[in-house]
PDB file of N, CA and C in Angstrom:
ATOM      1  N   PRO A   1     134.254 -76.755 128.723  1.00  0.00           N
ATOM      2  CA  PRO A   1     135.425 -76.775 129.618  1.00  0.00           C
ATOM      3  C   PRO A   1     135.159 -76.287 130.991  1.00  0.00           C
ATOM      4  N   GLY A   2     135.950 -76.751 131.947  1.00  0.00           N
ATOM      5  CA  GLY A   2     135.782 -76.321 133.346  1.00  0.00           C
ATOM      6  C   GLY A   2     136.572 -75.139 133.697  1.00  0.00           C
ATOM      7  N   ALA A   3     137.217 -74.484 132.688  1.00  0.00           N
ATOM      8  CA  ALA A   3     137.990 -73.240 132.981  1.00  0.00           C
ATOM      9  C   ALA A   3     138.039 -72.438 131.676  1.00  0.00           C
ATOM     10  N   PRO A   4     138.218 -71.160 131.810  1.00  0.00           N
ATOM     11  CA  PRO A   4     138.369 -70.300 130.620  1.00  0.00           C
ATOM     12  C   PRO A   4     139.701 -70.441 129.916  1.00  0.00           C
ATOM     13  N   PRO A   5     139.813 -69.909 128.734  1.00  0.00           N
ATOM     14  CA  PRO A   5     141.180 -69.892 128.059  1.00  0.00           C
ATOM     15  C   PRO A   5     142.196 -69.181 128.968  1.00  0.00           C
ATOM     16  N   ARG A   6     143.472 -69.519 128.801  1.00  0.00           N
ATOM     17  CA  ARG A   6     144.545 -68.939 129.543  1.00  0.00           C
ATOM     18  C   ARG A   6     145.274 -67.972 128.701  1.00  0.00           C
ATOM     19  N   LYS A   7     146.069 -67.085 129.338  1.00  0.00           N
ATOM     20  CA  LYS A   7     146.966 -66.159 128.673  1.00  0.00           C
ATOM     21  C   LYS A   7     146.251 -65.335 127.597  1.00  0.00           C
ATOM     22  N   LEU A   8     145.108 -64.806 127.895  1.00  0.00           N
ATOM     23  CA  LEU A   8     144.344 -63.977 126.950  1.00  0.00           C
ATOM     24  C   LEU A   8     145.073 -62.626 126.810  1.00  0.00           C
ATOM     25  N   GLU A   9     145.381 -62.269 125.521  1.00  0.00           N
ATOM     26  CA  GLU A   9     146.053 -61.020 125.229  1.00  0.00           C
ATOM     27  C   GLU A   9     145.362 -60.335 124.092  1.00  0.00           C
ATOM     28  N   VAL A  10     145.249 -59.031 124.113  1.00  0.00           N
ATOM     29  CA  VAL A  10     144.717 -58.200 123.030  1.00  0.00           C
ATOM     30  C   VAL A  10     145.789 -57.174 122.656  1.00  0.00           C
ATOM     31  N   GLU A  11     146.003 -57.098 121.334  1.00  0.00           N
ATOM     32  CA  GLU A  11     147.038 -56.206 120.802  1.00  0.00           C
ATOM     33  C   GLU A  11     146.407 -55.356 119.714  1.00  0.00           C
ATOM     34  N   ALA A  12     146.527 -54.024 119.835  1.00  0.00           N
ATOM     35  CA  ALA A  12     146.075 -53.122 118.756  1.00  0.00           C
ATOM     36  C   ALA A  12     146.956 -53.258 117.563  1.00  0.00           C
ATOM     37  N   ILE A  13     146.417 -53.533 116.342  1.00  0.00           N
ATOM     38  CA  ILE A  13     147.100 -53.611 115.144  1.00  0.00           C
ATOM     39  C   ILE A  13     147.177 -52.265 114.481  1.00  0.00           C
ATOM     40  N   ASN A  14     146.040 -51.574 114.464  1.00  0.00           N
ATOM     41  CA  ASN A  14     145.868 -50.185 113.991  1.00  0.00           C
ATOM     42  C   ASN A  14     144.595 -49.660 114.579  1.00  0.00           C
ATOM     43  N   SER A  15     144.157 -48.536 114.066  1.00  0.00           N
ATOM     44  CA  SER A  15     142.966 -47.865 114.647  1.00  0.00           C
ATOM     45  C   SER A  15     141.647 -48.609 114.458  1.00  0.00           C
ATOM     46  N   THR A  16     141.603 -49.607 113.582  1.00  0.00           N
ATOM     47  CA  THR A  16     140.385 -50.273 113.374  1.00  0.00           C
ATOM     48  C   THR A  16     140.503 -51.823 113.472  1.00  0.00           C
ATOM     49  N   ALA A  17     141.641 -52.321 114.047  1.00  0.00           N
ATOM     50  CA  ALA A  17     141.754 -53.755 114.136  1.00  0.00           C
ATOM     51  C   ALA A  17     142.566 -54.184 115.392  1.00  0.00           C
ATOM     52  N   ILE A  18     142.170 -55.301 116.019  1.00  0.00           N
ATOM     53  CA  ILE A  18     142.899 -55.824 117.117  1.00  0.00           C
ATOM     54  C   ILE A  18     143.228 -57.323 116.843  1.00  0.00           C
ATOM     55  N   ARG A  19     144.218 -57.831 117.545  1.00  0.00           N
ATOM     56  CA  ARG A  19     144.538 -59.203 117.493  1.00  0.00           C
ATOM     57  C   ARG A  19     144.296 -59.785 118.914  1.00  0.00           C
ATOM     58  N   VAL A  20     143.470 -60.851 119.015  1.00  0.00           N
ATOM     59  CA  VAL A  20     143.206 -61.460 120.280  1.00  0.00           C
ATOM     60  C   VAL A  20     143.887 -62.828 120.244  1.00  0.00           C
ATOM     61  N   THR A  21     144.710 -63.153 121.275  1.00  0.00           N
ATOM     62  CA  THR A  21     145.358 -64.467 121.321  1.00  0.00           C
ATOM     63  C   THR A  21     145.064 -65.092 122.673  1.00  0.00           C
ATOM     64  N   TRP A  22     145.112 -66.431 122.708  1.00  0.00           N
ATOM     65  CA  TRP A  22     144.862 -67.181 123.974  1.00  0.00           C
ATOM     66  C   TRP A  22     145.437 -68.513 123.885  1.00  0.00           C
ATOM     67  N   LYS A  23     145.496 -69.181 125.037  1.00  0.00           N
ATOM     68  CA  LYS A  23     145.902 -70.593 125.138  1.00  0.00           C
ATOM     69  C   LYS A  23     144.696 -71.342 125.664  1.00  0.00           C
ATOM     70  N   PRO A  24     144.502 -72.599 125.250  1.00  0.00           N
ATOM     71  CA  PRO A  24     143.357 -73.398 125.809  1.00  0.00           C
ATOM     72  C   PRO A  24     143.529 -73.631 127.307  1.00  0.00           C
ATOM     73  N   PRO A  25     142.415 -73.970 127.932  1.00  0.00           N
ATOM     74  CA  PRO A  25     142.566 -74.336 129.371  1.00  0.00           C
ATOM     75  C   PRO A  25     143.494 -75.551 129.509  1.00  0.00           C
ATOM     76  N   ILE A  26     144.031 -75.718 130.728  1.00  0.00           N
ATOM     77  CA  ILE A  26     144.848 -76.898 130.970  1.00  0.00           C
ATOM     78  C   ILE A  26     144.088 -78.188 130.645  1.00  0.00           C
ATOM     79  N   GLN A  27     144.776 -79.233 130.313  1.00  0.00           N
ATOM     80  CA  GLN A  27     144.150 -80.452 129.820  1.00  0.00           C
ATOM     81  C   GLN A  27     143.115 -81.021 130.728  1.00  0.00           C
ATOM     82  N   VAL A  28     143.416 -81.019 132.076  1.00  0.00           N
ATOM     83  CA  VAL A  28     142.502 -81.617 133.074  1.00  0.00           C
ATOM     84  C   VAL A  28     141.204 -80.783 133.168  1.00  0.00           C
ATOM     85  N   LYS A  29     141.146 -79.601 132.683  1.00  0.00           N
ATOM     86  CA  LYS A  29     139.937 -78.701 132.727  1.00  0.00           C
ATOM     87  C   LYS A  29     139.211 -78.719 131.456  1.00  0.00           C
ATOM     88  N   GLN A  30     139.730 -79.381 130.381  1.00  0.00           N
ATOM     89  CA  GLN A  30     139.075 -79.245 129.051  1.00  0.00           C
ATOM     90  C   GLN A  30     137.798 -80.167 128.994  1.00  0.00           C
ATOM     91  N   HIS A  31     137.732 -81.249 129.718  1.00  0.00           N
ATOM     92  CA  HIS A  31     136.552 -82.131 129.728  1.00  0.00           C
ATOM     93  C   HIS A  31     136.127 -82.479 128.295  1.00  0.00           C
ATOM     94  N   GLY A  32     137.022 -82.984 127.495  1.00  0.00           N
ATOM     95  CA  GLY A  32     136.656 -83.403 126.106  1.00  0.00           C
ATOM     96  C   GLY A  32     137.491 -82.571 125.158  1.00  0.00           C
ATOM     97  N   GLN A  33     137.137 -82.600 123.833  1.00  0.00           N
ATOM     98  CA  GLN A  33     137.788 -81.941 122.835  1.00  0.00           C
ATOM     99  C   GLN A  33     137.230 -80.602 122.559  1.00  0.00           C
ATOM    100  N   ILE A  34     138.018 -79.552 122.576  1.00  0.00           N
ATOM    101  CA  ILE A  34     137.563 -78.168 122.266  1.00  0.00           C
ATOM    102  C   ILE A  34     137.530 -78.027 120.753  1.00  0.00           C
ATOM    103  N   ARG A  35     136.341 -77.644 120.224  1.00  0.00           N
ATOM    104  CA  ARG A  35     136.189 -77.566 118.843  1.00  0.00           C
ATOM    105  C   ARG A  35     136.208 -76.114 118.302  1.00  0.00           C
ATOM    106  N   GLY A  36     136.196 -75.126 119.209  1.00  0.00           N
ATOM    107  CA  GLY A  36     136.216 -73.729 118.808  1.00  0.00           C
ATOM    108  C   GLY A  36     135.983 -72.816 119.954  1.00  0.00           C
ATOM    109  N   TYR A  37     135.955 -71.580 119.706  1.00  0.00           N
ATOM    110  CA  TYR A  37     135.842 -70.552 120.717  1.00  0.00           C
ATOM    111  C   TYR A  37     134.812 -69.461 120.191  1.00  0.00           C
ATOM    112  N   GLN A  38     134.371 -68.654 121.128  1.00  0.00           N
ATOM    113  CA  GLN A  38     133.614 -67.462 120.723  1.00  0.00           C
ATOM    114  C   GLN A  38     134.387 -66.273 121.305  1.00  0.00           C
ATOM    115  N   VAL A  39     134.583 -65.285 120.444  1.00  0.00           N
ATOM    116  CA  VAL A  39     135.156 -64.028 120.866  1.00  0.00           C
ATOM    117  C   VAL A  39     133.990 -62.996 120.882  1.00  0.00           C
ATOM    118  N   ILE A  40     133.725 -62.427 122.096  1.00  0.00           N
ATOM    119  CA  ILE A  40     132.637 -61.582 122.268  1.00  0.00           C
ATOM    120  C   ILE A  40     133.200 -60.171 122.628  1.00  0.00           C
ATOM    121  N   PHE A  41     132.776 -59.161 121.891  1.00  0.00           N
ATOM    122  CA  PHE A  41     133.274 -57.807 122.167  1.00  0.00           C
ATOM    123  C   PHE A  41     132.135 -56.817 121.921  1.00  0.00           C
ATOM    124  N   SER A  42     132.272 -55.632 122.627  1.00  0.00           N
ATOM    125  CA  SER A  42     131.271 -54.565 122.610  1.00  0.00           C
ATOM    126  C   SER A  42     131.939 -53.252 122.351  1.00  0.00           C
ATOM    127  N   ARG A  43     131.161 -52.327 121.821  1.00  0.00           N
ATOM    128  CA  ARG A  43     131.555 -50.968 121.690  1.00  0.00           C
ATOM    129  C   ARG A  43     131.522 -50.315 123.021  1.00  0.00           C
ATOM    130  N   LEU A  44     132.532 -49.490 123.362  1.00  0.00           N
ATOM    131  CA  LEU A  44     132.579 -48.778 124.646  1.00  0.00           C
ATOM    132  C   LEU A  44     132.408 -47.283 124.400  1.00  0.00           C
ATOM    133  N   GLU A  45     131.667 -46.669 125.248  1.00  0.00           N
ATOM    134  CA  GLU A  45     131.572 -45.167 125.276  1.00  0.00           C
ATOM    135  C   GLU A  45     131.756 -44.739 126.715  1.00  0.00           C
ATOM    136  N   ASN A  46     132.732 -43.926 126.902  1.00  0.00           N
ATOM    137  CA  ASN A  46     133.013 -43.460 128.269  1.00  0.00           C
ATOM    138  C   ASN A  46     133.291 -44.652 129.232  1.00  0.00           C
ATOM    139  N   GLY A  47     133.893 -45.683 128.696  1.00  0.00           N
ATOM    140  CA  GLY A  47     134.221 -46.865 129.489  1.00  0.00           C
ATOM    141  C   GLY A  47     133.061 -47.785 129.748  1.00  0.00           C
ATOM    142  N   GLU A  48     131.883 -47.560 129.143  1.00  0.00           N
ATOM    143  CA  GLU A  48     130.712 -48.387 129.430  1.00  0.00           C
ATOM    144  C   GLU A  48     130.305 -49.090 128.042  1.00  0.00           C
ATOM    145  N   PRO A  49     129.936 -50.337 128.129  1.00  0.00           N
ATOM    146  CA  PRO A  49     129.467 -51.071 126.942  1.00  0.00           C
ATOM    147  C   PRO A  49     128.162 -50.408 126.413  1.00  0.00           C
ATOM    148  N   ARG A  50     128.080 -50.298 125.090  1.00  0.00           N
ATOM    149  CA  ARG A  50     126.908 -49.725 124.394  1.00  0.00           C
ATOM    150  C   ARG A  50     126.475 -50.710 123.286  1.00  0.00           C
ATOM    151  N   GLY A  51     125.181 -50.819 123.127  1.00  0.00           N
ATOM    152  CA  GLY A  51     124.656 -51.659 122.072  1.00  0.00           C
ATOM    153  C   GLY A  51     124.807 -53.113 122.349  1.00  0.00           C
ATOM    154  N   GLN A  52     124.431 -53.917 121.386  1.00  0.00           N
ATOM    155  CA  GLN A  52     124.495 -55.371 121.506  1.00  0.00           C
ATOM    156  C   GLN A  52     125.952 -55.840 121.357  1.00  0.00           C
ATOM    157  N   PRO A  53     126.323 -56.876 122.125  1.00  0.00           N
ATOM    158  CA  PRO A  53     127.687 -57.396 121.946  1.00  0.00           C
ATOM    159  C   PRO A  53     127.813 -58.064 120.591  1.00  0.00           C
ATOM    160  N   ASN A  54     128.977 -58.054 120.040  1.00  0.00           N
ATOM    161  CA  ASN A  54     129.307 -58.798 118.822  1.00  0.00           C
ATOM    162  C   ASN A  54     129.869 -60.137 119.142  1.00  0.00           C
ATOM    163  N   ILE A  55     129.415 -61.155 118.510  1.00  0.00           N
ATOM    164  CA  ILE A  55     129.885 -62.548 118.824  1.00  0.00           C
ATOM    165  C   ILE A  55     130.498 -63.097 117.527  1.00  0.00           C
ATOM    166  N   MET A  56     131.791 -63.499 117.681  1.00  0.00           N
ATOM    167  CA  MET A  56     132.476 -64.052 116.572  1.00  0.00           C
ATOM    168  C   MET A  56     132.861 -65.485 116.846  1.00  0.00           C
ATOM    169  N   ASP A  57     132.352 -66.430 116.074  1.00  0.00           N
ATOM    170  CA  ASP A  57     132.752 -67.843 116.233  1.00  0.00           C
ATOM    171  C   ASP A  57     134.079 -68.073 115.573  1.00  0.00           C
ATOM    172  N   VAL A  58     134.971 -68.712 116.313  1.00  0.00           N
ATOM    173  CA  VAL A  58     136.327 -68.972 115.855  1.00  0.00           C
ATOM    174  C   VAL A  58     136.601 -70.459 115.899  1.00  0.00           C
ATOM    175  N   ALA A  59     137.135 -71.013 114.832  1.00  0.00           N
ATOM    176  CA  ALA A  59     137.540 -72.449 114.868  1.00  0.00           C
ATOM    177  C   ALA A  59     138.737 -72.610 115.746  1.00  0.00           C
ATOM    178  N   LEU A  60     139.497 -73.607 115.589  1.00  0.00           N
ATOM    179  CA  LEU A  60     140.536 -73.884 116.528  1.00  0.00           C
ATOM    180  C   LEU A  60     141.774 -72.950 116.657  1.00  0.00           C
ATOM    181  N   PRO A  61     142.065 -72.138 115.720  1.00  0.00           N
ATOM    182  CA  PRO A  61     143.277 -71.285 115.910  1.00  0.00           C
ATOM    183  C   PRO A  61     143.207 -70.569 117.244  1.00  0.00           C
ATOM    184  N   GLU A  62     144.304 -70.331 117.869  1.00  0.00           N
ATOM    185  CA  GLU A  62     144.378 -69.656 119.160  1.00  0.00           C
ATOM    186  C   GLU A  62     144.676 -68.191 119.015  1.00  0.00           C
ATOM    187  N   ALA A  63     144.278 -67.634 117.894  1.00  0.00           N
ATOM    188  CA  ALA A  63     144.392 -66.220 117.625  1.00  0.00           C
ATOM    189  C   ALA A  63     143.350 -65.780 116.656  1.00  0.00           C
ATOM    190  N   GLN A  64     142.913 -64.581 116.769  1.00  0.00           N
ATOM    191  CA  GLN A  64     141.878 -64.026 115.774  1.00  0.00           C
ATOM    192  C   GLN A  64     142.164 -62.562 115.673  1.00  0.00           C
ATOM    193  N   VAL A  65     142.128 -62.019 114.390  1.00  0.00           N
ATOM    194  CA  VAL A  65     142.225 -60.605 114.105  1.00  0.00           C
ATOM    195  C   VAL A  65     140.786 -60.111 113.900  1.00  0.00           C
ATOM    196  N   ILE A  66     140.371 -59.065 114.541  1.00  0.00           N
ATOM    197  CA  ILE A  66     139.081 -58.470 114.406  1.00  0.00           C
ATOM    198  C   ILE A  66     139.288 -57.103 113.709  1.00  0.00           C
ATOM    199  N   HIS A  67     138.652 -57.015 112.496  1.00  0.00           N
ATOM    200  CA  HIS A  67     138.837 -55.839 111.657  1.00  0.00           C
ATOM    201  C   HIS A  67     137.555 -54.962 111.714  1.00  0.00           C
ATOM    202  N   ASN A  68     137.631 -53.778 111.127  1.00  0.00           N
ATOM    203  CA  ASN A  68     136.517 -52.857 110.996  1.00  0.00           C
ATOM    204  C   ASN A  68     135.963 -52.390 112.265  1.00  0.00           C
ATOM    205  N   LEU A  69     136.806 -52.189 113.285  1.00  0.00           N
ATOM    206  CA  LEU A  69     136.371 -51.600 114.545  1.00  0.00           C
ATOM    207  C   LEU A  69     136.251 -50.084 114.386  1.00  0.00           C
ATOM    208  N   ILE A  70     135.360 -49.528 115.140  1.00  0.00           N
ATOM    209  CA  ILE A  70     135.142 -48.050 115.079  1.00  0.00           C
ATOM    210  C   ILE A  70     135.659 -47.421 116.337  1.00  0.00           C
ATOM    211  N   LEU A  71     136.538 -46.467 116.276  1.00  0.00           N
ATOM    212  CA  LEU A  71     137.045 -45.752 117.398  1.00  0.00           C
ATOM    213  C   LEU A  71     135.997 -44.684 117.781  1.00  0.00           C
ATOM    214  N   VAL A  72     135.569 -44.722 118.995  1.00  0.00           N
ATOM    215  CA  VAL A  72     134.610 -43.709 119.475  1.00  0.00           C
ATOM    216  C   VAL A  72     135.318 -42.868 120.518  1.00  0.00           C
ATOM    217  N   LEU A  73     135.478 -41.640 120.227  1.00  0.00           N
ATOM    218  CA  LEU A  73     136.182 -40.719 121.107  1.00  0.00           C
ATOM    219  C   LEU A  73     135.138 -40.059 122.007  1.00  0.00           C
ATOM    220  N   PRO A  74     135.447 -39.853 123.259  1.00  0.00           N
ATOM    221  CA  PRO A  74     134.480 -39.160 124.169  1.00  0.00           C
ATOM    222  C   PRO A  74     134.260 -37.749 123.733  1.00  0.00           C
ATOM    223  N   PHE A  75     133.036 -37.266 123.904  1.00  0.00           N
ATOM    224  CA  PHE A  75     132.675 -35.940 123.534  1.00  0.00           C
ATOM    225  C   PHE A  75     132.889 -35.045 124.768  1.00  0.00           C
ATOM    226  N   LEU A  76     133.767 -34.081 124.644  1.00  0.00           N
ATOM    227  CA  LEU A  76     134.044 -33.173 125.797  1.00  0.00           C
ATOM    228  C   LEU A  76     133.274 -31.891 125.611  1.00  0.00           C
ATOM    229  N   THR A  77     132.662 -31.492 126.723  1.00  0.00           N
ATOM    230  CA  THR A  77     131.879 -30.212 126.692  1.00  0.00           C
ATOM    231  C   THR A  77     132.590 -29.130 127.532  1.00  0.00           C
TER     232      THR A  77
END
């Protein structure tokens, strides 16, 4: 596509899961049939990404629930 998905939203479901929703790019920017998406997310520590990003291939639904997330709290000294 010639543009990213629109109206990207992330909602916390609980302490270990989020729901990611989006709308496809406008028709003139799709340049063919969209067959799926990739949701890429990383663990954050102190606001900085840590480790390798996780990549989740998603078929056509415009929403995905990501489970088994780990909450990392900052260590205060």
